[in-house]
Amino acid sequence: MPKLPQPLLEVAWRHRGETGKIHYRVRRPDGSPRHLIARESDALYEVLEQHLSAIGYTGPKTSAEESSEH
């Protein structure tokens, strides 16, 4: 099985008010980015969900949370 030379997946996130989807960005072999979406029915969704949960990410901040930071 060939080993890929670099990590493909750069970041993963959720959009406010959107359930059942995780957005993520990958790098193509030429170095250009690609924005993709994993849905709940996708195997990748479960993997991304577990990794996001492991780092404590629960989703984007609400408007109230954002305003309390400033």
Protein backbone atom coordinates (compact mmCIF):
# COMPACT_ATOMS: atom_id res chain seq x y z
CA MET A 1 0.00 0.00 0.00
CA PRO A 2 1.62 3.33 -0.99
CA LYS A 3 2.11 5.98 1.67
CA LEU A 4 1.02 9.49 0.73
CA PRO A 5 3.81 12.06 1.00
CA GLN A 6 1.90 14.72 2.96
CA PRO A 7 -1.30 15.18 4.92
CA LEU A 8 -4.24 15.69 2.59
CA LEU A 9 -6.80 17.13 4.97
CA GLU A 10 -5.94 20.59 6.30
CA VAL A 11 -8.96 21.78 8.31
CA ALA A 12 -12.49 20.72 9.17
CA TRP A 13 -15.36 22.84 10.51
CA ARG A 14 -19.12 23.22 10.78
CA HIS A 15 -21.29 26.12 9.64
CA ARG A 16 -23.62 27.78 12.13
CA GLY A 17 -27.14 26.36 12.00
CA GLU A 18 -26.15 23.50 9.72
CA THR A 19 -26.52 19.95 11.02
CA GLY A 20 -25.37 16.69 9.50
CA LYS A 21 -22.50 18.24 7.54
CA ILE A 22 -18.82 18.81 8.19
CA HIS A 23 -16.89 21.00 5.77
CA TYR A 24 -13.23 20.27 5.18
CA ARG A 25 -10.37 21.44 2.99
CA VAL A 26 -7.89 19.14 1.29
CA ARG A 27 -4.80 19.74 -0.85
CA ARG A 28 -4.60 18.40 -4.38
CA PRO A 29 -1.29 16.95 -5.66
CA ASP A 30 -0.55 20.28 -7.38
CA GLY A 31 -0.93 22.08 -4.03
CA SER A 32 -4.23 23.81 -4.76
CA PRO A 33 -6.98 23.64 -2.11
CA ARG A 34 -10.36 21.98 -2.50
CA HIS A 35 -13.39 22.59 -0.23
CA LEU A 36 -15.50 19.47 0.30
CA ILE A 37 -18.41 18.42 2.51
CA ALA A 38 -18.91 15.16 4.42
CA ARG A 39 -22.51 14.26 5.25
CA GLU A 40 -23.77 12.07 8.09
CA SER A 41 -24.22 9.12 5.73
CA ASP A 42 -20.53 9.29 4.68
CA ALA A 43 -17.90 7.17 6.42
CA LEU A 44 -15.57 10.19 6.53
CA TYR A 45 -18.17 12.14 8.53
CA GLU A 46 -17.80 9.75 11.48
CA VAL A 47 -14.00 9.99 11.38
CA LEU A 48 -14.06 13.81 11.21
CA GLU A 49 -16.69 13.95 13.97
CA GLN A 50 -14.50 11.85 16.26
CA HIS A 51 -11.42 14.00 15.61
CA LEU A 52 -13.32 17.26 16.12
CA SER A 53 -14.82 15.94 19.36
CA ALA A 54 -11.38 14.82 20.57
CA ILE A 55 -10.06 18.38 20.31
CA GLY A 56 -13.17 19.83 21.96
CA TYR A 57 -14.63 21.45 18.85
CA THR A 58 -18.41 21.67 19.11
CA GLY A 59 -19.11 23.99 16.20
CA PRO A 60 -18.98 27.66 15.33
CA LYS A 61 -19.54 30.22 18.05
CA THR A 62 -22.97 31.74 18.44
CA SER A 63 -23.38 35.50 18.00
CA ALA A 64 -23.62 35.89 21.78
CA GLU A 65 -20.33 34.04 22.32
CA GLU A 66 -18.58 36.16 19.69
CA SER A 67 -19.81 39.46 21.17
CA SER A 68 -18.74 38.48 24.71
CA GLU A 69 -15.15 38.06 23.50
CA HIS A 70 -14.82 41.72 22.46
